[in-house]
Amino acid sequence: MKILIVDDSQAMRKIIQWNLRHAEICVDKVFEASCVQDAFHIIESRRPDLVITDWNMPEMGGLQLLKAVRDAQNSVWFGFVITQTTSNIRNLVKDAGANFIVSNPSSLSSFKAQISQSL
């Protein structure tokens, strides 16, 4: 499986990679992007199987990325790792076409369950 991790924090991208590895998610290739523009380019050119993104980033956030991806008729599996989730955010994410949302910090078992359920 090819996965794209989108977060403006390099440390957070590494934490997500660590979680994927330790949750025993089969990963063949990981792409990283620190901004929405780079992420959209990677999605179009590299065709990942799964996109995991942050909610808040400079310039544009993960929700804008999801909307752009869906507007381009791309059905890639898409999820969020978000520090503070509210019912409003969960509804926005679901309505925009996301497959999952994981609260951060979360336990490794919760991370694995959320991603595994959506795949």
N, C-alpha and C. Protein backbone atom coordinates (compact mmCIF):
# COMPACT_ATOMS: atom_id res chain seq x y z
N MET A 1 0.83 -1.17 0.00
CA MET A 1 0.00 0.00 0.00
C MET A 1 0.88 1.24 0.00
N LYS A 2 0.52 2.21 -0.83
CA LYS A 2 1.22 3.50 -0.88
C LYS A 2 0.42 4.51 -0.06
N ILE A 3 1.10 5.19 0.85
CA ILE A 3 0.43 6.13 1.74
C ILE A 3 1.09 7.49 1.65
N LEU A 4 0.25 8.52 1.60
CA LEU A 4 0.72 9.90 1.65
C LEU A 4 0.34 10.48 3.00
N ILE A 5 1.34 11.02 3.70
CA ILE A 5 1.11 11.68 4.99
C ILE A 5 1.32 13.18 4.77
N VAL A 6 0.28 13.95 5.12
CA VAL A 6 0.32 15.40 4.90
C VAL A 6 0.22 16.11 6.25
N ASP A 7 1.27 16.81 6.62
CA ASP A 7 1.28 17.56 7.86
C ASP A 7 2.42 18.57 7.77
N ASP A 8 2.19 19.77 8.26
CA ASP A 8 3.25 20.78 8.20
C ASP A 8 4.34 20.50 9.23
N SER A 9 4.09 19.61 10.17
CA SER A 9 5.08 19.23 11.17
C SER A 9 5.79 17.94 10.76
N GLN A 10 7.10 18.04 10.54
CA GLN A 10 7.87 16.85 10.20
C GLN A 10 7.81 15.82 11.33
N ALA A 11 7.83 16.29 12.56
CA ALA A 11 7.75 15.37 13.70
C ALA A 11 6.45 14.59 13.68
N MET A 12 5.35 15.24 13.36
CA MET A 12 4.06 14.55 13.31
C MET A 12 4.03 13.54 12.17
N ARG A 13 4.62 13.88 11.03
CA ARG A 13 4.68 12.91 9.93
C ARG A 13 5.44 11.67 10.36
N LYS A 14 6.51 11.84 11.11
CA LYS A 14 7.29 10.69 11.61
C LYS A 14 6.49 9.89 12.62
N ILE A 15 5.74 10.55 13.48
CA ILE A 15 4.90 9.85 14.46
C ILE A 15 3.85 9.00 13.75
N ILE A 16 3.24 9.54 12.73
CA ILE A 16 2.23 8.77 11.98
C ILE A 16 2.88 7.57 11.30
N GLN A 17 4.07 7.75 10.74
CA GLN A 17 4.78 6.62 10.14
C GLN A 17 5.08 5.56 11.19
N TRP A 18 5.52 5.98 12.37
CA TRP A 18 5.80 5.05 13.46
C TRP A 18 4.53 4.28 13.81
N ASN A 19 3.41 4.99 13.94
CA ASN A 19 2.14 4.34 14.26
C ASN A 19 1.74 3.33 13.19
N LEU A 20 1.91 3.68 11.93
CA LEU A 20 1.57 2.75 10.85
C LEU A 20 2.41 1.48 10.95
N ARG A 21 3.70 1.65 11.18
CA ARG A 21 4.61 0.51 11.29
C ARG A 21 4.23 -0.38 12.47
N HIS A 22 3.97 0.21 13.61
CA HIS A 22 3.69 -0.56 14.81
C HIS A 22 2.24 -1.05 14.88
N ALA A 23 1.38 -0.50 14.05
CA ALA A 23 0.00 -1.00 13.98
C ALA A 23 -0.11 -2.13 12.97
N GLU A 24 1.03 -2.49 12.40
CA GLU A 24 1.10 -3.59 11.44
C GLU A 24 0.23 -3.36 10.20
N ILE A 25 0.19 -2.10 9.76
CA ILE A 25 -0.48 -1.76 8.51
C ILE A 25 0.54 -2.02 7.41
N CYS A 26 0.16 -2.78 6.41
CA CYS A 26 1.07 -3.13 5.32
C CYS A 26 1.35 -1.90 4.46
N VAL A 27 2.57 -1.39 4.54
CA VAL A 27 2.94 -0.17 3.82
C VAL A 27 4.13 -0.49 2.91
N ASP A 28 3.95 -0.25 1.62
CA ASP A 28 5.03 -0.45 0.66
C ASP A 28 5.84 0.83 0.46
N LYS A 29 5.15 1.97 0.45
CA LYS A 29 5.81 3.24 0.17
C LYS A 29 5.09 4.35 0.92
N VAL A 30 5.86 5.25 1.52
CA VAL A 30 5.29 6.42 2.19
C VAL A 30 5.80 7.67 1.49
N PHE A 31 4.85 8.51 1.12
CA PHE A 31 5.16 9.83 0.59
C PHE A 31 4.83 10.84 1.68
N GLU A 32 5.55 11.95 1.69
CA GLU A 32 5.29 13.00 2.67
C GLU A 32 5.10 14.32 1.96
N ALA A 33 4.20 15.14 2.51
CA ALA A 33 4.00 16.50 2.02
C ALA A 33 3.79 17.40 3.23
N SER A 34 4.36 18.60 3.16
CA SER A 34 4.22 19.54 4.27
C SER A 34 3.17 20.61 3.99
N CYS A 35 2.58 20.57 2.79
CA CYS A 35 1.55 21.54 2.45
C CYS A 35 0.55 20.91 1.47
N VAL A 36 -0.61 21.52 1.38
CA VAL A 36 -1.69 21.00 0.55
C VAL A 36 -1.31 20.99 -0.93
N GLN A 37 -0.63 22.02 -1.40
CA GLN A 37 -0.27 22.08 -2.81
C GLN A 37 0.62 20.90 -3.20
N ASP A 38 1.63 20.62 -2.39
CA ASP A 38 2.51 19.47 -2.67
C ASP A 38 1.73 18.16 -2.57
N ALA A 39 0.84 18.08 -1.60
CA ALA A 39 0.04 16.86 -1.42
C ALA A 39 -0.83 16.59 -2.64
N PHE A 40 -1.48 17.62 -3.15
CA PHE A 40 -2.35 17.43 -4.31
C PHE A 40 -1.53 16.95 -5.51
N HIS A 41 -0.35 17.52 -5.69
CA HIS A 41 0.53 17.09 -6.79
C HIS A 41 0.92 15.61 -6.63
N ILE A 42 1.26 15.20 -5.41
CA ILE A 42 1.63 13.80 -5.16
C ILE A 42 0.44 12.88 -5.40
N ILE A 43 -0.73 13.30 -4.98
CA ILE A 43 -1.94 12.48 -5.20
C ILE A 43 -2.17 12.27 -6.69
N GLU A 44 -2.02 13.32 -7.47
CA GLU A 44 -2.23 13.22 -8.91
C GLU A 44 -1.14 12.41 -9.62
N SER A 45 0.11 12.57 -9.18
CA SER A 45 1.21 11.94 -9.92
C SER A 45 1.60 10.56 -9.38
N ARG A 46 1.51 10.35 -8.07
CA ARG A 46 1.98 9.10 -7.47
C ARG A 46 0.85 8.12 -7.14
N ARG A 47 -0.37 8.60 -7.13
CA ARG A 47 -1.56 7.76 -6.91
C ARG A 47 -1.48 6.92 -5.64
N PRO A 48 -1.37 7.54 -4.47
CA PRO A 48 -1.34 6.75 -3.24
C PRO A 48 -2.69 6.04 -3.03
N ASP A 49 -2.65 4.99 -2.23
CA ASP A 49 -3.87 4.26 -1.89
C ASP A 49 -4.60 4.90 -0.71
N LEU A 50 -3.85 5.64 0.10
CA LEU A 50 -4.40 6.24 1.30
C LEU A 50 -3.71 7.58 1.55
N VAL A 51 -4.51 8.58 1.93
CA VAL A 51 -3.99 9.88 2.33
C VAL A 51 -4.37 10.09 3.79
N ILE A 52 -3.39 10.42 4.61
CA ILE A 52 -3.62 10.77 6.01
C ILE A 52 -3.14 12.20 6.18
N THR A 53 -4.03 13.07 6.62
CA THR A 53 -3.68 14.48 6.69
C THR A 53 -4.04 15.12 8.02
N ASP A 54 -3.40 16.23 8.28
CA ASP A 54 -3.70 17.08 9.41
C ASP A 54 -4.89 17.96 9.05
N TRP A 55 -5.53 18.53 10.02
CA TRP A 55 -6.65 19.44 9.79
C TRP A 55 -6.15 20.86 9.53
N ASN A 56 -5.30 21.36 10.41
CA ASN A 56 -4.80 22.73 10.32
C ASN A 56 -3.38 22.76 9.77
N MET A 57 -3.22 23.52 8.70
CA MET A 57 -1.89 23.76 8.13
C MET A 57 -1.88 25.18 7.60
N PRO A 58 -0.70 25.78 7.46
CA PRO A 58 -0.63 27.12 6.90
C PRO A 58 -1.20 27.15 5.48
N GLU A 59 -1.77 28.25 5.11
CA GLU A 59 -2.32 28.50 3.78
C GLU A 59 -3.61 27.74 3.53
N MET A 60 -3.58 26.41 3.52
CA MET A 60 -4.78 25.61 3.30
C MET A 60 -4.72 24.42 4.25
N GLY A 61 -5.89 23.96 4.68
CA GLY A 61 -5.94 22.83 5.59
C GLY A 61 -6.34 21.54 4.91
N GLY A 62 -6.40 20.51 5.70
CA GLY A 62 -6.74 19.18 5.19
C GLY A 62 -8.13 19.10 4.58
N LEU A 63 -9.09 19.84 5.13
CA LEU A 63 -10.44 19.82 4.57
C LEU A 63 -10.44 20.36 3.14
N GLN A 64 -9.68 21.41 2.89
CA GLN A 64 -9.59 21.96 1.53
C GLN A 64 -8.94 20.96 0.59
N LEU A 65 -7.95 20.23 1.09
CA LEU A 65 -7.32 19.19 0.27
C LEU A 65 -8.33 18.11 -0.08
N LEU A 66 -9.07 17.65 0.91
CA LEU A 66 -10.08 16.62 0.66
C LEU A 66 -11.10 17.09 -0.37
N LYS A 67 -11.57 18.31 -0.23
CA LYS A 67 -12.56 18.84 -1.18
C LYS A 67 -11.97 18.92 -2.59
N ALA A 68 -10.72 19.35 -2.70
CA ALA A 68 -10.08 19.44 -4.03
C ALA A 68 -9.92 18.05 -4.64
N VAL A 69 -9.56 17.07 -3.83
CA VAL A 69 -9.39 15.70 -4.30
C VAL A 69 -10.73 15.15 -4.79
N ARG A 70 -11.77 15.34 -4.01
CA ARG A 70 -13.09 14.84 -4.39
C ARG A 70 -13.63 15.59 -5.60
N ASP A 71 -13.37 16.90 -5.69
CA ASP A 71 -13.79 17.68 -6.87
C ASP A 71 -13.11 17.18 -8.14
N ALA A 72 -11.91 16.62 -7.99
CA ALA A 72 -11.17 16.07 -9.13
C ALA A 72 -11.61 14.63 -9.43
N GLN A 73 -12.68 14.20 -8.78
CA GLN A 73 -13.24 12.86 -8.97
C GLN A 73 -12.27 11.75 -8.56
N ASN A 74 -11.44 12.04 -7.60
CA ASN A 74 -10.49 11.05 -7.09
C ASN A 74 -11.09 10.42 -5.84
N SER A 75 -11.18 9.11 -5.81
CA SER A 75 -11.80 8.41 -4.69
C SER A 75 -10.79 7.75 -3.76
N VAL A 76 -9.56 8.27 -3.71
CA VAL A 76 -8.53 7.74 -2.83
C VAL A 76 -9.07 7.68 -1.40
N TRP A 77 -8.68 6.64 -0.64
CA TRP A 77 -9.05 6.55 0.76
C TRP A 77 -8.40 7.71 1.48
N PHE A 78 -9.16 8.39 2.32
CA PHE A 78 -8.72 9.66 2.88
C PHE A 78 -9.11 9.74 4.34
N GLY A 79 -8.15 10.11 5.20
CA GLY A 79 -8.44 10.24 6.61
C GLY A 79 -7.67 11.36 7.27
N PHE A 80 -8.11 11.70 8.45
CA PHE A 80 -7.53 12.79 9.22
C PHE A 80 -7.00 12.29 10.55
N VAL A 81 -5.88 12.85 10.99
CA VAL A 81 -5.39 12.71 12.35
C VAL A 81 -5.45 14.11 12.93
N ILE A 82 -6.36 14.28 13.89
CA ILE A 82 -6.68 15.61 14.40
C ILE A 82 -6.51 15.65 15.92
N THR A 83 -5.89 16.72 16.40
CA THR A 83 -5.67 16.88 17.83
C THR A 83 -6.97 17.13 18.57
N GLN A 84 -7.77 18.06 18.09
CA GLN A 84 -9.03 18.37 18.76
C GLN A 84 -10.18 18.10 17.81
N THR A 85 -10.97 17.11 18.14
CA THR A 85 -12.13 16.81 17.30
C THR A 85 -13.40 17.24 18.02
N THR A 86 -14.29 17.79 17.24
CA THR A 86 -15.62 18.15 17.74
C THR A 86 -16.63 17.47 16.84
N SER A 87 -17.86 17.45 17.27
CA SER A 87 -18.90 16.84 16.42
C SER A 87 -19.03 17.63 15.12
N ASN A 88 -18.83 18.94 15.17
CA ASN A 88 -18.88 19.76 13.95
C ASN A 88 -17.79 19.36 12.97
N ILE A 89 -16.57 19.18 13.46
CA ILE A 89 -15.47 18.75 12.59
C ILE A 89 -15.75 17.37 12.03
N ARG A 90 -16.20 16.47 12.87
CA ARG A 90 -16.52 15.11 12.40
C ARG A 90 -17.58 15.15 11.29
N ASN A 91 -18.58 15.98 11.44
CA ASN A 91 -19.62 16.11 10.41
C ASN A 91 -19.06 16.71 9.12
N LEU A 92 -18.22 17.73 9.23
CA LEU A 92 -17.62 18.34 8.05
C LEU A 92 -16.78 17.32 7.27
N VAL A 93 -15.99 16.56 8.02
CA VAL A 93 -15.11 15.55 7.42
C VAL A 93 -15.93 14.47 6.72
N LYS A 94 -16.93 13.99 7.39
CA LYS A 94 -17.79 12.95 6.82
C LYS A 94 -18.52 13.46 5.58
N ASP A 95 -19.09 14.66 5.68
CA ASP A 95 -19.83 15.23 4.55
C ASP A 95 -18.94 15.49 3.33
N ALA A 96 -17.67 15.77 3.58
CA ALA A 96 -16.73 16.05 2.48
C ALA A 96 -16.22 14.77 1.83
N GLY A 97 -16.47 13.62 2.46
CA GLY A 97 -16.08 12.36 1.84
C GLY A 97 -14.88 11.66 2.44
N ALA A 98 -14.53 12.01 3.68
CA ALA A 98 -13.43 11.31 4.34
C ALA A 98 -13.86 9.92 4.77
N ASN A 99 -12.91 9.02 4.86
CA ASN A 99 -13.18 7.64 5.25
C ASN A 99 -13.00 7.41 6.74
N PHE A 100 -12.16 8.23 7.40
CA PHE A 100 -11.96 8.06 8.83
C PHE A 100 -11.37 9.31 9.44
N ILE A 101 -11.46 9.36 10.76
CA ILE A 101 -10.83 10.43 11.53
C ILE A 101 -10.29 9.80 12.80
N VAL A 102 -9.05 10.11 13.13
CA VAL A 102 -8.40 9.58 14.32
C VAL A 102 -8.04 10.76 15.21
N SER A 103 -8.41 10.66 16.47
CA SER A 103 -8.02 11.70 17.42
C SER A 103 -6.57 11.51 17.80
N ASN A 104 -5.87 12.61 17.90
CA ASN A 104 -4.46 12.57 18.27
C ASN A 104 -4.30 13.33 19.58
N PRO A 105 -3.71 12.85 20.58
CA PRO A 105 -3.07 11.53 20.60
C PRO A 105 -4.11 10.42 20.77
N SER A 106 -3.80 9.30 20.20
CA SER A 106 -4.66 8.13 20.37
C SER A 106 -3.76 6.95 20.68
N SER A 107 -4.36 5.93 21.25
CA SER A 107 -3.57 4.74 21.51
C SER A 107 -3.26 4.05 20.19
N LEU A 108 -2.25 3.25 20.19
CA LEU A 108 -1.87 2.51 18.99
C LEU A 108 -3.02 1.61 18.54
N SER A 109 -3.71 0.99 19.48
CA SER A 109 -4.82 0.11 19.11
C SER A 109 -5.97 0.89 18.50
N SER A 110 -6.23 2.09 19.00
CA SER A 110 -7.28 2.94 18.43
C SER A 110 -6.89 3.39 17.02
N PHE A 111 -5.64 3.79 16.86
CA PHE A 111 -5.13 4.20 15.54
C PHE A 111 -5.30 3.06 14.54
N LYS A 112 -4.86 1.87 14.94
CA LYS A 112 -4.95 0.70 14.06
C LYS A 112 -6.41 0.39 13.73
N ALA A 113 -7.27 0.42 14.72
CA ALA A 113 -8.68 0.09 14.50
C ALA A 113 -9.34 1.05 13.54
N GLN A 114 -9.10 2.35 13.73
CA GLN A 114 -9.73 3.35 12.86
C GLN A 114 -9.28 3.19 11.42
N ILE A 115 -8.01 3.00 11.20
CA ILE A 115 -7.50 2.87 9.83
C ILE A 115 -7.90 1.52 9.24
N SER A 116 -7.78 0.45 10.00
CA SER A 116 -8.12 -0.88 9.49
C SER A 116 -9.58 -0.98 9.12
N GLN A 117 -10.46 -0.38 9.90
CA GLN A 117 -11.89 -0.41 9.61
C GLN A 117 -12.20 0.27 8.28
N SER A 118 -11.45 1.30 7.95
CA SER A 118 -11.76 2.07 6.75
C SER A 118 -11.15 1.47 5.49
N LEU A 119 -10.18 0.56 5.64
CA LEU A 119 -9.52 0.01 4.45
C LEU A 119 -10.27 -1.15 3.87
